[in-house]
Amino acid sequence: MGFGDLKTPAGLQVLNDYLADKSYIEGYVPSQADVAVFEVVSGPPPADLYHALRWYNHIKSYEKEKARTGRTWTTAVQLFPTLPRQCASTLTWGAHLWGERVAHSFSTW
């Protein structure tokens, strides 16, 4: 999914519209896709883009955990590089973004 330039109002509007019925960029748990988009967004979206702002605040809340644990962002693909990408994306984590816990759920397509 391309959002355009996320530093512009038009790009943020596309992101907002995309997140109208989603909690995350991909899937049902925060992932590296959320990290990538979050790192491009220059700050909290305006209040009238409430879906994007909700998502932004939610992903930002993980920074506190990152700072507390000293963990870096990671994904199932990085931790289990031999898994097919579609399988790795279905792994869920105790702390989804940093992978400090062992995967506790696995499903295949």
PDB file of N, CA and C in Angstrom:
ATOM      1  N   MET A   1       0.851  -1.186   0.000  1.00  0.00           N
ATOM      2  CA  MET A   1       0.000   0.000   0.000  1.00  0.00           C
ATOM      3  C   MET A   1       0.880   1.225   0.000  1.00  0.00           C
ATOM      4  N   GLY A   2       0.710   2.088  -0.980  1.00  0.00           N
ATOM      5  CA  GLY A   2       1.444   3.336  -1.026  1.00  0.00           C
ATOM      6  C   GLY A   2       0.575   4.470  -0.515  1.00  0.00           C
ATOM      7  N   PHE A   3       1.134   5.288   0.339  1.00  0.00           N
ATOM      8  CA  PHE A   3       0.385   6.399   0.921  1.00  0.00           C
ATOM      9  C   PHE A   3       0.787   7.735   0.319  1.00  0.00           C
ATOM     10  N   GLY A   4       1.798   7.736  -0.538  1.00  0.00           N
ATOM     11  CA  GLY A   4       2.303   9.001  -1.049  1.00  0.00           C
ATOM     12  C   GLY A   4       3.248   9.613  -0.031  1.00  0.00           C
ATOM     13  N   ASP A   5       3.408  10.910  -0.103  1.00  0.00           N
ATOM     14  CA  ASP A   5       4.313  11.626   0.802  1.00  0.00           C
ATOM     15  C   ASP A   5       3.606  11.857   2.138  1.00  0.00           C
ATOM     16  N   LEU A   6       4.018  11.130   3.149  1.00  0.00           N
ATOM     17  CA  LEU A   6       3.360  11.198   4.459  1.00  0.00           C
ATOM     18  C   LEU A   6       3.728  12.449   5.244  1.00  0.00           C
ATOM     19  N   LYS A   7       4.497  13.313   4.652  1.00  0.00           N
ATOM     20  CA  LYS A   7       4.797  14.596   5.282  1.00  0.00           C
ATOM     21  C   LYS A   7       3.865  15.691   4.753  1.00  0.00           C
ATOM     22  N   THR A   8       2.957  15.299   3.859  1.00  0.00           N
ATOM     23  CA  THR A   8       2.001  16.257   3.295  1.00  0.00           C
ATOM     24  C   THR A   8       0.596  15.942   3.783  1.00  0.00           C
ATOM     25  N   PRO A   9      -0.281  16.934   3.795  1.00  0.00           N
ATOM     26  CA  PRO A   9      -1.679  16.673   4.174  1.00  0.00           C
ATOM     27  C   PRO A   9      -2.343  15.622   3.289  1.00  0.00           C
ATOM     28  N   ALA A  10      -2.035  15.621   2.004  1.00  0.00           N
ATOM     29  CA  ALA A  10      -2.650  14.636   1.097  1.00  0.00           C
ATOM     30  C   ALA A  10      -2.218  13.219   1.454  1.00  0.00           C
ATOM     31  N   GLY A  11      -0.949  13.021   1.726  1.00  0.00           N
ATOM     32  CA  GLY A  11      -0.455  11.697   2.115  1.00  0.00           C
ATOM     33  C   GLY A  11      -1.057  11.231   3.424  1.00  0.00           C
ATOM     34  N   LEU A  12      -1.151  12.151   4.387  1.00  0.00           N
ATOM     35  CA  LEU A  12      -1.756  11.797   5.676  1.00  0.00           C
ATOM     36  C   LEU A  12      -3.238  11.468   5.521  1.00  0.00           C
ATOM     37  N   GLN A  13      -3.915  12.135   4.591  1.00  0.00           N
ATOM     38  CA  GLN A  13      -5.329  11.835   4.345  1.00  0.00           C
ATOM     39  C   GLN A  13      -5.486  10.425   3.794  1.00  0.00           C
ATOM     40  N   VAL A  14      -4.586  10.028   2.897  1.00  0.00           N
ATOM     41  CA  VAL A  14      -4.631   8.662   2.358  1.00  0.00           C
ATOM     42  C   VAL A  14      -4.407   7.658   3.486  1.00  0.00           C
ATOM     43  N   LEU A  15      -3.435   7.930   4.349  1.00  0.00           N
ATOM     44  CA  LEU A  15      -3.183   7.056   5.500  1.00  0.00           C
ATOM     45  C   LEU A  15      -4.416   6.988   6.400  1.00  0.00           C
ATOM     46  N   ASN A  16      -5.010   8.127   6.683  1.00  0.00           N
ATOM     47  CA  ASN A  16      -6.206   8.174   7.524  1.00  0.00           C
ATOM     48  C   ASN A  16      -7.334   7.337   6.937  1.00  0.00           C
ATOM     49  N   ASP A  17      -7.574   7.503   5.642  1.00  0.00           N
ATOM     50  CA  ASP A  17      -8.642   6.741   4.980  1.00  0.00           C
ATOM     51  C   ASP A  17      -8.347   5.239   5.031  1.00  0.00           C
ATOM     52  N   TYR A  18      -7.088   4.872   4.837  1.00  0.00           N
ATOM     53  CA  TYR A  18      -6.688   3.462   4.872  1.00  0.00           C
ATOM     54  C   TYR A  18      -6.937   2.858   6.252  1.00  0.00           C
ATOM     55  N   LEU A  19      -6.665   3.625   7.296  1.00  0.00           N
ATOM     56  CA  LEU A  19      -6.787   3.121   8.666  1.00  0.00           C
ATOM     57  C   LEU A  19      -8.204   3.241   9.235  1.00  0.00           C
ATOM     58  N   ALA A  20      -9.151   3.663   8.421  1.00  0.00           N
ATOM     59  CA  ALA A  20     -10.526   3.833   8.906  1.00  0.00           C
ATOM     60  C   ALA A  20     -11.105   2.544   9.471  1.00  0.00           C
ATOM     61  N   ASP A  21     -10.721   1.399   8.907  1.00  0.00           N
ATOM     62  CA  ASP A  21     -11.244   0.123   9.401  1.00  0.00           C
ATOM     63  C   ASP A  21     -10.127  -0.848   9.770  1.00  0.00           C
ATOM     64  N   LYS A  22      -8.954  -0.301  10.078  1.00  0.00           N
ATOM     65  CA  LYS A  22      -7.802  -1.143  10.436  1.00  0.00           C
ATOM     66  C   LYS A  22      -7.100  -0.577  11.666  1.00  0.00           C
ATOM     67  N   SER A  23      -6.515  -1.459  12.440  1.00  0.00           N
ATOM     68  CA  SER A  23      -5.713  -1.023  13.579  1.00  0.00           C
ATOM     69  C   SER A  23      -4.244  -0.884  13.211  1.00  0.00           C
ATOM     70  N   TYR A  24      -3.815  -1.638  12.217  1.00  0.00           N
ATOM     71  CA  TYR A  24      -2.395  -1.673  11.845  1.00  0.00           C
ATOM     72  C   TYR A  24      -2.254  -1.616  10.331  1.00  0.00           C
ATOM     73  N   ILE A  25      -1.050  -1.343   9.880  1.00  0.00           N
ATOM     74  CA  ILE A  25      -0.781  -1.246   8.447  1.00  0.00           C
ATOM     75  C   ILE A  25      -0.964  -2.605   7.777  1.00  0.00           C
ATOM     76  N   GLU A  26      -0.481  -3.661   8.419  1.00  0.00           N
ATOM     77  CA  GLU A  26      -0.635  -5.024   7.904  1.00  0.00           C
ATOM     78  C   GLU A  26      -1.080  -5.930   9.039  1.00  0.00           C
ATOM     79  N   GLY A  27      -2.076  -6.708   8.824  1.00  0.00           N
ATOM     80  CA  GLY A  27      -2.469  -7.738   9.777  1.00  0.00           C
ATOM     81  C   GLY A  27      -3.155  -7.221  11.021  1.00  0.00           C
ATOM     82  N   TYR A  28      -3.067  -8.045  12.071  1.00  0.00           N
ATOM     83  CA  TYR A  28      -3.819  -7.794  13.297  1.00  0.00           C
ATOM     84  C   TYR A  28      -2.943  -7.495  14.507  1.00  0.00           C
ATOM     85  N   VAL A  29      -1.656  -7.384  14.282  1.00  0.00           N
ATOM     86  CA  VAL A  29      -0.717  -7.004  15.346  1.00  0.00           C
ATOM     87  C   VAL A  29       0.256  -5.995  14.754  1.00  0.00           C
ATOM     88  N   PRO A  30       0.868  -5.160  15.596  1.00  0.00           N
ATOM     89  CA  PRO A  30       1.856  -4.228  15.064  1.00  0.00           C
ATOM     90  C   PRO A  30       3.002  -4.989  14.409  1.00  0.00           C
ATOM     91  N   SER A  31       3.508  -4.434  13.323  1.00  0.00           N
ATOM     92  CA  SER A  31       4.557  -5.117  12.574  1.00  0.00           C
ATOM     93  C   SER A  31       5.591  -4.115  12.088  1.00  0.00           C
ATOM     94  N   GLN A  32       6.562  -4.634  11.376  1.00  0.00           N
ATOM     95  CA  GLN A  32       7.596  -3.785  10.806  1.00  0.00           C
ATOM     96  C   GLN A  32       7.002  -2.760   9.847  1.00  0.00           C
ATOM     97  N   ALA A  33       5.881  -3.087   9.215  1.00  0.00           N
ATOM     98  CA  ALA A  33       5.218  -2.129   8.331  1.00  0.00           C
ATOM     99  C   ALA A  33       4.773  -0.894   9.114  1.00  0.00           C
ATOM    100  N   ASP A  34       4.262  -1.098  10.337  1.00  0.00           N
ATOM    101  CA  ASP A  34       3.871   0.032  11.178  1.00  0.00           C
ATOM    102  C   ASP A  34       5.086   0.880  11.535  1.00  0.00           C
ATOM    103  N   VAL A  35       6.187   0.215  11.842  1.00  0.00           N
ATOM    104  CA  VAL A  35       7.412   0.924  12.190  1.00  0.00           C
ATOM    105  C   VAL A  35       7.876   1.766  11.010  1.00  0.00           C
ATOM    106  N   ALA A  36       7.879   1.174   9.823  1.00  0.00           N
ATOM    107  CA  ALA A  36       8.347   1.886   8.632  1.00  0.00           C
ATOM    108  C   ALA A  36       7.502   3.128   8.365  1.00  0.00           C
ATOM    109  N   VAL A  37       6.186   2.993   8.451  1.00  0.00           N
ATOM    110  CA  VAL A  37       5.312   4.138   8.202  1.00  0.00           C
ATOM    111  C   VAL A  37       5.456   5.158   9.323  1.00  0.00           C
ATOM    112  N   PHE A  38       5.516   4.706  10.565  1.00  0.00           N
ATOM    113  CA  PHE A  38       5.658   5.605  11.708  1.00  0.00           C
ATOM    114  C   PHE A  38       6.917   6.450  11.581  1.00  0.00           C
ATOM    115  N   GLU A  39       8.003   5.831  11.145  1.00  0.00           N
ATOM    116  CA  GLU A  39       9.271   6.553  11.035  1.00  0.00           C
ATOM    117  C   GLU A  39       9.238   7.606   9.931  1.00  0.00           C
ATOM    118  N   VAL A  40       8.332   7.480   8.974  1.00  0.00           N
ATOM    119  CA  VAL A  40       8.220   8.460   7.896  1.00  0.00           C
ATOM    120  C   VAL A  40       7.324   9.628   8.305  1.00  0.00           C
ATOM    121  N   VAL A  41       6.300   9.354   9.099  1.00  0.00           N
ATOM    122  CA  VAL A  41       5.388  10.409   9.553  1.00  0.00           C
ATOM    123  C   VAL A  41       6.184  11.327  10.477  1.00  0.00           C
ATOM    124  N   SER A  42       6.153  12.622  10.193  1.00  0.00           N
ATOM    125  CA  SER A  42       7.022  13.553  10.917  1.00  0.00           C
ATOM    126  C   SER A  42       6.523  13.926  12.309  1.00  0.00           C
ATOM    127  N   GLY A  43       5.304  13.612  12.619  1.00  0.00           N
ATOM    128  CA  GLY A  43       4.744  13.931  13.933  1.00  0.00           C
ATOM    129  C   GLY A  43       3.289  13.508  13.957  1.00  0.00           C
ATOM    130  N   PRO A  44       2.601  13.780  15.054  1.00  0.00           N
ATOM    131  CA  PRO A  44       1.204  13.373  15.148  1.00  0.00           C
ATOM    132  C   PRO A  44       0.368  14.028  14.050  1.00  0.00           C
ATOM    133  N   PRO A  45      -0.468  13.250  13.392  1.00  0.00           N
ATOM    134  CA  PRO A  45      -1.377  13.839  12.407  1.00  0.00           C
ATOM    135  C   PRO A  45      -2.349  14.798  13.093  1.00  0.00           C
ATOM    136  N   PRO A  46      -2.920  15.728  12.343  1.00  0.00           N
ATOM    137  CA  PRO A  46      -3.892  16.646  12.937  1.00  0.00           C
ATOM    138  C   PRO A  46      -5.112  15.897  13.474  1.00  0.00           C
ATOM    139  N   ALA A  47      -5.786  16.513  14.426  1.00  0.00           N
ATOM    140  CA  ALA A  47      -6.915  15.873  15.113  1.00  0.00           C
ATOM    141  C   ALA A  47      -8.041  15.476  14.166  1.00  0.00           C
ATOM    142  N   ASP A  48      -8.223  16.192  13.058  1.00  0.00           N
ATOM    143  CA  ASP A  48      -9.310  15.831  12.145  1.00  0.00           C
ATOM    144  C   ASP A  48      -9.010  14.550  11.372  1.00  0.00           C
ATOM    145  N   LEU A  49      -7.769  14.071  11.395  1.00  0.00           N
ATOM    146  CA  LEU A  49      -7.404  12.779  10.798  1.00  0.00           C
ATOM    147  C   LEU A  49      -7.334  11.754  11.924  1.00  0.00           C
ATOM    148  N   TYR A  50      -8.483  11.534  12.547  1.00  0.00           N
ATOM    149  CA  TYR A  50      -8.522  10.778  13.798  1.00  0.00           C
ATOM    150  C   TYR A  50      -8.104   9.319  13.660  1.00  0.00           C
ATOM    151  N   HIS A  51      -8.298   8.679  12.522  1.00  0.00           N
ATOM    152  CA  HIS A  51      -7.842   7.295  12.362  1.00  0.00           C
ATOM    153  C   HIS A  51      -6.319   7.242  12.342  1.00  0.00           C
ATOM    154  N   ALA A  52      -5.715   8.146  11.591  1.00  0.00           N
ATOM    155  CA  ALA A  52      -4.247   8.207  11.539  1.00  0.00           C
ATOM    156  C   ALA A  52      -3.681   8.618  12.893  1.00  0.00           C
ATOM    157  N   LEU A  53      -4.333   9.542  13.571  1.00  0.00           N
ATOM    158  CA  LEU A  53      -3.864   9.986  14.890  1.00  0.00           C
ATOM    159  C   LEU A  53      -3.971   8.860  15.911  1.00  0.00           C
ATOM    160  N   ARG A  54      -5.070   8.115  15.882  1.00  0.00           N
ATOM    161  CA  ARG A  54      -5.223   6.961  16.784  1.00  0.00           C
ATOM    162  C   ARG A  54      -4.105   5.963  16.563  1.00  0.00           C
ATOM    163  N   TRP A  55      -3.866   5.628  15.288  1.00  0.00           N
ATOM    164  CA  TRP A  55      -2.789   4.681  14.950  1.00  0.00           C
ATOM    165  C   TRP A  55      -1.441   5.232  15.393  1.00  0.00           C
ATOM    166  N   TYR A  56      -1.165   6.493  15.104  1.00  0.00           N
ATOM    167  CA  TYR A  56       0.107   7.117  15.456  1.00  0.00           C
ATOM    168  C   TYR A  56       0.349   7.033  16.970  1.00  0.00           C
ATOM    169  N   ASN A  57      -0.647   7.426  17.747  1.00  0.00           N
ATOM    170  CA  ASN A  57      -0.496   7.389  19.207  1.00  0.00           C
ATOM    171  C   ASN A  57      -0.297   5.967  19.716  1.00  0.00           C
ATOM    172  N   HIS A  58      -0.983   5.022  19.107  1.00  0.00           N
ATOM    173  CA  HIS A  58      -0.835   3.625  19.521  1.00  0.00           C
ATOM    174  C   HIS A  58       0.574   3.120  19.238  1.00  0.00           C
ATOM    175  N   ILE A  59       1.079   3.347  18.028  1.00  0.00           N
ATOM    176  CA  ILE A  59       2.422   2.895  17.682  1.00  0.00           C
ATOM    177  C   ILE A  59       3.459   3.651  18.510  1.00  0.00           C
ATOM    178  N   LYS A  60       3.247   4.930  18.737  1.00  0.00           N
ATOM    179  CA  LYS A  60       4.168   5.724  19.554  1.00  0.00           C
ATOM    180  C   LYS A  60       4.257   5.183  20.976  1.00  0.00           C
ATOM    181  N   SER A  61       3.162   4.617  21.476  1.00  0.00           N
ATOM    182  CA  SER A  61       3.164   4.092  22.847  1.00  0.00           C
ATOM    183  C   SER A  61       4.193   2.972  23.019  1.00  0.00           C
ATOM    184  N   TYR A  62       4.557   2.308  21.930  1.00  0.00           N
ATOM    185  CA  TYR A  62       5.559   1.253  22.013  1.00  0.00           C
ATOM    186  C   TYR A  62       6.970   1.799  22.220  1.00  0.00           C
ATOM    187  N   GLU A  63       7.183   3.086  21.951  1.00  0.00           N
ATOM    188  CA  GLU A  63       8.501   3.669  22.168  1.00  0.00           C
ATOM    189  C   GLU A  63       8.895   3.615  23.640  1.00  0.00           C
ATOM    190  N   LYS A  64       7.906   3.757  24.523  1.00  0.00           N
ATOM    191  CA  LYS A  64       8.204   3.672  25.957  1.00  0.00           C
ATOM    192  C   LYS A  64       8.755   2.298  26.301  1.00  0.00           C
ATOM    193  N   GLU A  65       8.144   1.263  25.740  1.00  0.00           N
ATOM    194  CA  GLU A  65       8.619  -0.102  25.971  1.00  0.00           C
ATOM    195  C   GLU A  65      10.001  -0.290  25.358  1.00  0.00           C
ATOM    196  N   LYS A  66      10.196   0.264  24.185  1.00  0.00           N
ATOM    197  CA  LYS A  66      11.492   0.166  23.523  1.00  0.00           C
ATOM    198  C   LYS A  66      12.573   0.824  24.387  1.00  0.00           C
ATOM    199  N   ALA A  67      12.271   2.006  24.911  1.00  0.00           N
ATOM    200  CA  ALA A  67      13.232   2.718  25.763  1.00  0.00           C
ATOM    201  C   ALA A  67      13.475   1.955  27.070  1.00  0.00           C
ATOM    202  N   ARG A  68      12.430   1.379  27.624  1.00  0.00           N
ATOM    203  CA  ARG A  68      12.548   0.664  28.897  1.00  0.00           C
ATOM    204  C   ARG A  68      13.372  -0.606  28.750  1.00  0.00           C
ATOM    205  N   THR A  69      13.160  -1.334  27.665  1.00  0.00           N
ATOM    206  CA  THR A  69      13.833  -2.620  27.515  1.00  0.00           C
ATOM    207  C   THR A  69      15.153  -2.519  26.760  1.00  0.00           C
ATOM    208  N   GLY A  70      15.337  -1.426  26.029  1.00  0.00           N
ATOM    209  CA  GLY A  70      16.538  -1.291  25.219  1.00  0.00           C
ATOM    210  C   GLY A  70      16.514  -2.159  23.977  1.00  0.00           C
ATOM    211  N   ARG A  71      15.374  -2.752  23.679  1.00  0.00           N
ATOM    212  CA  ARG A  71      15.248  -3.618  22.507  1.00  0.00           C
ATOM    213  C   ARG A  71      15.117  -2.776  21.248  1.00  0.00           C
ATOM    214  N   THR A  72      15.547  -3.321  20.147  1.00  0.00           N
ATOM    215  CA  THR A  72      15.361  -2.650  18.870  1.00  0.00           C
ATOM    216  C   THR A  72      14.184  -3.302  18.163  1.00  0.00           C
ATOM    217  N   TRP A  73      13.628  -2.617  17.176  1.00  0.00           N
ATOM    218  CA  TRP A  73      12.523  -3.165  16.407  1.00  0.00           C
ATOM    219  C   TRP A  73      12.977  -4.450  15.728  1.00  0.00           C
ATOM    220  N   THR A  74      12.119  -5.412  15.646  1.00  0.00           N
ATOM    221  CA  THR A  74      12.438  -6.655  14.965  1.00  0.00           C
ATOM    222  C   THR A  74      11.169  -7.248  14.380  1.00  0.00           C
ATOM    223  N   THR A  75      11.320  -8.223  13.569  1.00  0.00           N
ATOM    224  CA  THR A  75      10.163  -8.895  12.990  1.00  0.00           C
ATOM    225  C   THR A  75      10.380 -10.391  13.032  1.00  0.00           C
ATOM    226  N   ALA A  76       9.315 -11.113  12.821  1.00  0.00           N
ATOM    227  CA  ALA A  76       9.429 -12.563  12.747  1.00  0.00           C
ATOM    228  C   ALA A  76      10.352 -12.966  11.605  1.00  0.00           C
ATOM    229  N   VAL A  77      10.334 -12.213  10.523  1.00  0.00           N
ATOM    230  CA  VAL A  77      11.196 -12.540   9.383  1.00  0.00           C
ATOM    231  C   VAL A  77      12.663 -12.443   9.779  1.00  0.00           C
ATOM    232  N   GLN A  78      13.015 -11.451  10.594  1.00  0.00           N
ATOM    233  CA  GLN A  78      14.402 -11.322  11.047  1.00  0.00           C
ATOM    234  C   GLN A  78      14.774 -12.433  12.008  1.00  0.00           C
ATOM    235  N   LEU A  79      13.852 -12.816  12.877  1.00  0.00           N
ATOM    236  CA  LEU A  79      14.163 -13.827  13.879  1.00  0.00           C
ATOM    237  C   LEU A  79      14.115 -15.242  13.310  1.00  0.00           C
ATOM    238  N   PHE A  80      13.269 -15.468  12.320  1.00  0.00           N
ATOM    239  CA  PHE A  80      13.120 -16.775  11.704  1.00  0.00           C
ATOM    240  C   PHE A  80      13.275 -16.632  10.192  1.00  0.00           C
ATOM    241  N   PRO A  81      14.486 -16.354   9.718  1.00  0.00           N
ATOM    242  CA  PRO A  81      14.664 -16.043   8.296  1.00  0.00           C
ATOM    243  C   PRO A  81      14.347 -17.192   7.356  1.00  0.00           C
ATOM    244  N   THR A  82      14.270 -18.424   7.846  1.00  0.00           N
ATOM    245  CA  THR A  82      13.992 -19.544   6.958  1.00  0.00           C
ATOM    246  C   THR A  82      12.502 -19.758   6.735  1.00  0.00           C
ATOM    247  N   LEU A  83      11.651 -19.099   7.519  1.00  0.00           N
ATOM    248  CA  LEU A  83      10.211 -19.238   7.324  1.00  0.00           C
ATOM    249  C   LEU A  83       9.793 -18.482   6.067  1.00  0.00           C
ATOM    250  N   PRO A  84       8.839 -19.027   5.339  1.00  0.00           N
ATOM    251  CA  PRO A  84       8.283 -18.241   4.233  1.00  0.00           C
ATOM    252  C   PRO A  84       7.687 -16.954   4.792  1.00  0.00           C
ATOM    253  N   ARG A  85       7.797 -15.869   4.057  1.00  0.00           N
ATOM    254  CA  ARG A  85       7.339 -14.569   4.546  1.00  0.00           C
ATOM    255  C   ARG A  85       5.875 -14.601   4.980  1.00  0.00           C
ATOM    256  N   GLN A  86       5.002 -15.291   4.237  1.00  0.00           N
ATOM    257  CA  GLN A  86       3.598 -15.296   4.627  1.00  0.00           C
ATOM    258  C   GLN A  86       3.373 -16.032   5.942  1.00  0.00           C
ATOM    259  N   CYS A  87       4.208 -17.021   6.261  1.00  0.00           N
ATOM    260  CA  CYS A  87       4.092 -17.706   7.550  1.00  0.00           C
ATOM    261  C   CYS A  87       4.640 -16.838   8.662  1.00  0.00           C
ATOM    262  N   ALA A  88       5.781 -16.215   8.419  1.00  0.00           N
ATOM    263  CA  ALA A  88       6.393 -15.374   9.446  1.00  0.00           C
ATOM    264  C   ALA A  88       5.484 -14.219   9.823  1.00  0.00           C
ATOM    265  N   SER A  89       4.715 -13.725   8.867  1.00  0.00           N
ATOM    266  CA  SER A  89       3.846 -12.595   9.175  1.00  0.00           C
ATOM    267  C   SER A  89       2.680 -12.999  10.063  1.00  0.00           C
ATOM    268  N   THR A  90       2.425 -14.291  10.225  1.00  0.00           N
ATOM    269  CA  THR A  90       1.316 -14.718  11.072  1.00  0.00           C
ATOM    270  C   THR A  90       1.758 -15.012  12.497  1.00  0.00           C
ATOM    271  N   LEU A  91       3.048 -14.940  12.763  1.00  0.00           N
ATOM    272  CA  LEU A  91       3.510 -15.125  14.134  1.00  0.00           C
ATOM    273  C   LEU A  91       3.032 -13.966  14.997  1.00  0.00           C
ATOM    274  N   THR A  92       2.634 -14.250  16.212  1.00  0.00           N
ATOM    275  CA  THR A  92       2.301 -13.176  17.138  1.00  0.00           C
ATOM    276  C   THR A  92       3.239 -13.257  18.323  1.00  0.00           C
ATOM    277  N   TRP A  93       3.508 -12.127  18.912  1.00  0.00           N
ATOM    278  CA  TRP A  93       4.521 -12.017  19.955  1.00  0.00           C
ATOM    279  C   TRP A  93       3.920 -11.511  21.250  1.00  0.00           C
ATOM    280  N   GLY A  94       4.543 -11.860  22.357  1.00  0.00           N
ATOM    281  CA  GLY A  94       4.161 -11.280  23.634  1.00  0.00           C
ATOM    282  C   GLY A  94       4.354  -9.773  23.607  1.00  0.00           C
ATOM    283  N   ALA A  95       5.437  -9.334  23.083  1.00  0.00           N
ATOM    284  CA  ALA A  95       5.693  -7.915  22.852  1.00  0.00           C
ATOM    285  C   ALA A  95       5.974  -7.798  21.362  1.00  0.00           C
ATOM    286  N   HIS A  96       4.974  -7.566  20.597  1.00  0.00           N
ATOM    287  CA  HIS A  96       4.939  -7.784  19.164  1.00  0.00           C
ATOM    288  C   HIS A  96       6.076  -7.162  18.367  1.00  0.00           C
ATOM    289  N   LEU A  97       6.549  -6.021  18.730  1.00  0.00           N
ATOM    290  CA  LEU A  97       7.500  -5.345  17.874  1.00  0.00           C
ATOM    291  C   LEU A  97       8.947  -5.705  18.141  1.00  0.00           C
ATOM    292  N   TRP A  98       9.271  -6.117  19.329  1.00  0.00           N
ATOM    293  CA  TRP A  98      10.674  -6.353  19.651  1.00  0.00           C
ATOM    294  C   TRP A  98      11.024  -7.818  19.727  1.00  0.00           C
ATOM    295  N   GLY A  99      10.063  -8.684  19.861  1.00  0.00           N
ATOM    296  CA  GLY A  99      10.308 -10.109  19.832  1.00  0.00           C
ATOM    297  C   GLY A  99      11.113 -10.612  21.010  1.00  0.00           C
ATOM    298  N   GLU A 100      11.007  -9.938  22.173  1.00  0.00           N
ATOM    299  CA  GLU A 100      11.796 -10.435  23.295  1.00  0.00           C
ATOM    300  C   GLU A 100      11.234 -11.716  23.894  1.00  0.00           C
ATOM    301  N   ARG A 101      10.047 -12.081  23.513  1.00  0.00           N
ATOM    302  CA  ARG A 101       9.471 -13.339  23.960  1.00  0.00           C
ATOM    303  C   ARG A 101       9.421 -14.311  22.792  1.00  0.00           C
ATOM    304  N   VAL A 102       9.302 -15.557  23.106  1.00  0.00           N
ATOM    305  CA  VAL A 102       9.186 -16.571  22.059  1.00  0.00           C
ATOM    306  C   VAL A 102       7.810 -16.459  21.422  1.00  0.00           C
ATOM    307  N   ALA A 103       7.737 -16.715  20.164  1.00  0.00           N
ATOM    308  CA  ALA A 103       6.460 -16.688  19.473  1.00  0.00           C
ATOM    309  C   ALA A 103       5.503 -17.648  20.154  1.00  0.00           C
ATOM    310  N   HIS A 104       4.271 -17.202  20.388  1.00  0.00           N
ATOM    311  CA  HIS A 104       3.328 -18.064  21.083  1.00  0.00           C
ATOM    312  C   HIS A 104       2.170 -18.491  20.187  1.00  0.00           C
ATOM    313  N   SER A 105       2.203 -18.118  18.950  1.00  0.00           N
ATOM    314  CA  SER A 105       1.134 -18.513  18.054  1.00  0.00           C
ATOM    315  C   SER A 105       1.707 -18.651  16.639  1.00  0.00           C
ATOM    316  N   PHE A 106       1.285 -19.662  15.954  1.00  0.00           N
ATOM    317  CA  PHE A 106       1.754 -19.844  14.587  1.00  0.00           C
ATOM    318  C   PHE A 106       0.631 -20.457  13.778  1.00  0.00           C
ATOM    319  N   SER A 107       0.352 -19.855  12.665  1.00  0.00           N
ATOM    320  CA  SER A 107      -0.629 -20.450  11.769  1.00  0.00           C
ATOM    321  C   SER A 107      -0.082 -20.353  10.355  1.00  0.00           C
ATOM    322  N   THR A 108      -0.452 -21.280   9.535  1.00  0.00           N
ATOM    323  CA  THR A 108      -0.010 -21.255   8.144  1.00  0.00           C
ATOM    324  C   THR A 108      -1.172 -20.895   7.259  1.00  0.00           C
ATOM    325  N   TRP A 109      -0.889 -20.541   6.047  1.00  0.00           N
ATOM    326  CA  TRP A 109      -1.938 -20.143   5.104  1.00  0.00           C
ATOM    327  C   TRP A 109      -2.434 -21.317   4.352  1.00  0.00           C
TER     328      TRP A 109
END
